[in-house]
C-alpha atoms as a PDB file:
ATOM      1  CA  UNK A   1     -16.943  14.597  -3.867  1.00  0.00           C
ATOM      2  CA  UNK A   2     -14.065  13.760  -1.959  1.00  0.00           C
ATOM      3  CA  UNK A   3     -13.588  11.067   1.252  1.00  0.00           C
ATOM      4  CA  UNK A   4     -10.691  10.229   3.390  1.00  0.00           C
ATOM      5  CA  UNK A   5      -9.096   6.957   3.034  1.00  0.00           C
ATOM      6  CA  UNK A   6      -6.690   5.553   4.664  1.00  0.00           C
ATOM      7  CA  UNK A   7      -4.426   2.036   3.075  1.00  0.00           C
ATOM      8  CA  UNK A   8      -2.041  -0.289   5.082  1.00  0.00           C
ATOM      9  CA  UNK A   9       0.032  -1.792   2.303  1.00  0.00           C
ATOM     10  CA  UNK A  10       2.618  -4.200   3.923  1.00  0.00           C
ATOM     11  CA  UNK A  11       5.390  -5.088   0.591  1.00  0.00           C
ATOM     12  CA  UNK A  12       7.326  -7.926   0.125  1.00  0.00           C
ATOM     13  CA  UNK A  13      11.216  -6.937   0.190  1.00  0.00           C
ATOM     14  CA  UNK A  14      12.449 -10.792  -0.341  1.00  0.00           C
ATOM     15  CA  UNK A  15      13.067 -10.378  -4.113  1.00  0.00           C
ATOM     16  CA  UNK A  16      13.396  -6.957  -4.279  1.00  0.00           C
ATOM     17  CA  UNK A  17      17.143  -5.304  -4.973  1.00  0.00           C
ATOM     18  CA  UNK A  18      17.116  -1.465  -4.458  1.00  0.00           C
ATOM     19  CA  UNK A  19      16.167   0.257  -1.442  1.00  0.00           C
ATOM     20  CA  UNK A  20      12.419   0.402   0.567  1.00  0.00           C
ATOM     21  CA  UNK A  21      12.104   3.826  -0.060  1.00  0.00           C
ATOM     22  CA  UNK A  22      12.382   2.758  -3.874  1.00  0.00           C
ATOM     23  CA  UNK A  23       8.673   0.217  -3.708  1.00  0.00           C
ATOM     24  CA  UNK A  24       7.244   3.031  -0.974  1.00  0.00           C
ATOM     25  CA  UNK A  25       7.594   5.834  -3.926  1.00  0.00           C
ATOM     26  CA  UNK A  26       5.924   3.074  -6.352  1.00  0.00           C
ATOM     27  CA  UNK A  27       3.209   2.140  -4.471  1.00  0.00           C
ATOM     28  CA  UNK A  28       2.633   6.017  -4.171  1.00  0.00           C
ATOM     29  CA  UNK A  29       2.644   7.401  -7.666  1.00  0.00           C
ATOM     30  CA  UNK A  30       0.538   3.757  -8.420  1.00  0.00           C
ATOM     31  CA  UNK A  31      -2.606   5.701  -5.405  1.00  0.00           C
ATOM     32  CA  UNK A  32      -1.608   8.839  -7.382  1.00  0.00           C
ATOM     33  CA  UNK A  33      -2.169   7.741 -11.339  1.00  0.00           C
ATOM     34  CA  UNK A  34      -5.646   6.294 -10.367  1.00  0.00           C
ATOM     35  CA  UNK A  35      -6.637  10.090  -8.983  1.00  0.00           C
ATOM     36  CA  UNK A  36      -5.674   9.327  -5.217  1.00  0.00           C
ATOM     37  CA  UNK A  37      -4.513  12.790  -3.375  1.00  0.00           C
ATOM     38  CA  UNK A  38      -1.796  11.670  -0.869  1.00  0.00           C
ATOM     39  CA  UNK A  39      -1.873  13.475   2.437  1.00  0.00           C
ATOM     40  CA  UNK A  40       0.919  11.531   4.359  1.00  0.00           C
ATOM     41  CA  UNK A  41       3.296   8.362   4.335  1.00  0.00           C
ATOM     42  CA  UNK A  42       4.316   6.220   7.806  1.00  0.00           C
ATOM     43  CA  UNK A  43       6.544   3.701   7.617  1.00  0.00           C
ATOM     44  CA  UNK A  44       5.526   1.530   9.923  1.00  0.00           C
ATOM     45  CA  UNK A  45       8.684  -0.650   9.208  1.00  0.00           C
ATOM     46  CA  UNK A  46       9.004  -4.502   8.675  1.00  0.00           C
ATOM     47  CA  UNK A  47       7.449  -6.687  11.222  1.00  0.00           C
ATOM     48  CA  UNK A  48       6.851 -10.959  11.370  1.00  0.00           C
ATOM     49  CA  UNK A  49       3.589 -12.020  10.836  1.00  0.00           C
ATOM     50  CA  UNK A  50       1.785 -14.218  13.049  1.00  0.00           C
ATOM     51  CA  UNK A  51       2.000 -17.200  10.887  1.00  0.00           C
ATOM     52  CA  UNK A  52       3.980 -17.439   7.187  1.00  0.00           C
ATOM     53  CA  UNK A  53       1.921 -16.208   4.723  1.00  0.00           C
ATOM     54  CA  UNK A  54       2.239 -17.196   0.616  1.00  0.00           C
ATOM     55  CA  UNK A  55       5.990 -18.846   2.110  1.00  0.00           C
ATOM     56  CA  UNK A  56       6.771 -15.101   3.270  1.00  0.00           C
ATOM     57  CA  UNK A  57       7.627 -14.657   7.092  1.00  0.00           C
ATOM     58  CA  UNK A  58       7.686 -10.336   7.756  1.00  0.00           C
ATOM     59  CA  UNK A  59       6.251  -7.356   5.461  1.00  0.00           C
ATOM     60  CA  UNK A  60       7.441  -4.167   5.122  1.00  0.00           C
ATOM     61  CA  UNK A  61       4.037  -1.830   6.595  1.00  0.00           C
ATOM     62  CA  UNK A  62       3.544   1.607   4.948  1.00  0.00           C
ATOM     63  CA  UNK A  63       0.607   3.614   6.334  1.00  0.00           C
ATOM     64  CA  UNK A  64      -1.279   5.688   3.270  1.00  0.00           C
ATOM     65  CA  UNK A  65      -3.460   8.580   4.144  1.00  0.00           C
ATOM     66  CA  UNK A  66      -5.071   9.966   0.949  1.00  0.00           C
ATOM     67  CA  UNK A  67      -8.404  10.938  -0.683  1.00  0.00           C
ATOM     68  CA  UNK A  68     -10.340  10.259  -3.663  1.00  0.00           C
ATOM     69  CA  UNK A  69     -13.606   9.560  -4.947  1.00  0.00           C
ATOM     70  CA  UNK A  70     -15.696   6.874  -3.774  1.00  0.00           C
ATOM     71  CA  UNK A  71     -14.915   3.755  -6.709  1.00  0.00           C
ATOM     72  CA  UNK A  72     -11.309   4.934  -6.215  1.00  0.00           C
ATOM     73  CA  UNK A  73     -10.934   2.446  -3.742  1.00  0.00           C
ATOM     74  CA  UNK A  74     -11.388  -0.643  -6.306  1.00  0.00           C
ATOM     75  CA  UNK A  75      -8.892   0.861  -9.217  1.00  0.00           C
ATOM     76  CA  UNK A  76      -6.438   1.047  -6.357  1.00  0.00           C
ATOM     77  CA  UNK A  77      -6.598  -2.515  -5.377  1.00  0.00           C
ATOM     78  CA  UNK A  78      -7.343  -4.118  -8.865  1.00  0.00           C
ATOM     79  CA  UNK A  79      -4.569  -2.237 -10.074  1.00  0.00           C
ATOM     80  CA  UNK A  80      -2.081  -2.720  -6.654  1.00  0.00           C
ATOM     81  CA  UNK A  81      -3.422  -6.526  -7.512  1.00  0.00           C
ATOM     82  CA  UNK A  82      -0.916  -6.420 -10.233  1.00  0.00           C
ATOM     83  CA  UNK A  83       2.113  -5.166  -8.249  1.00  0.00           C
ATOM     84  CA  UNK A  84       4.059  -8.645  -7.831  1.00  0.00           C
ATOM     85  CA  UNK A  85       5.849  -6.264  -4.266  1.00  0.00           C
ATOM     86  CA  UNK A  86       3.134  -5.730  -3.026  1.00  0.00           C
ATOM     87  CA  UNK A  87       1.726  -8.929  -0.036  1.00  0.00           C
ATOM     88  CA  UNK A  88      -1.232  -7.314   1.613  1.00  0.00           C
ATOM     89  CA  UNK A  89      -3.106  -4.248   1.198  1.00  0.00           C
ATOM     90  CA  UNK A  90      -6.668  -3.298   2.873  1.00  0.00           C
ATOM     91  CA  UNK A  91      -8.453  -0.243   2.883  1.00  0.00           C
ATOM     92  CA  UNK A  92     -10.810   1.880   5.538  1.00  0.00           C
ATOM     93  CA  UNK A  93     -12.845   5.413   5.211  1.00  0.00           C
ATOM     94  CA  UNK A  94     -11.911   7.726   7.726  1.00  0.00           C
ATOM     95  CA  UNK A  95     -14.470  10.186   9.188  1.00  0.00           C
END
């Protein structure tokens, strides 16, 4: 059974020397490695936070739409938690 999900991921580009596109493709490869089938990647750009979060004032927002098994979210969250460039992640099941 495959379900459709949306993931909003905020990337920390402060200490990254390459381009933002490299980070976006690296995160998408991590999603695919866990079994997600990516449908759409939307880069929402760099936005300021309402308050400083872990000494960071802004982040690059990326929205991923993908399909996967019901247990894929916990696997993806565990994997992205180890990535130092992922500042925040939020996942939601789409109808």
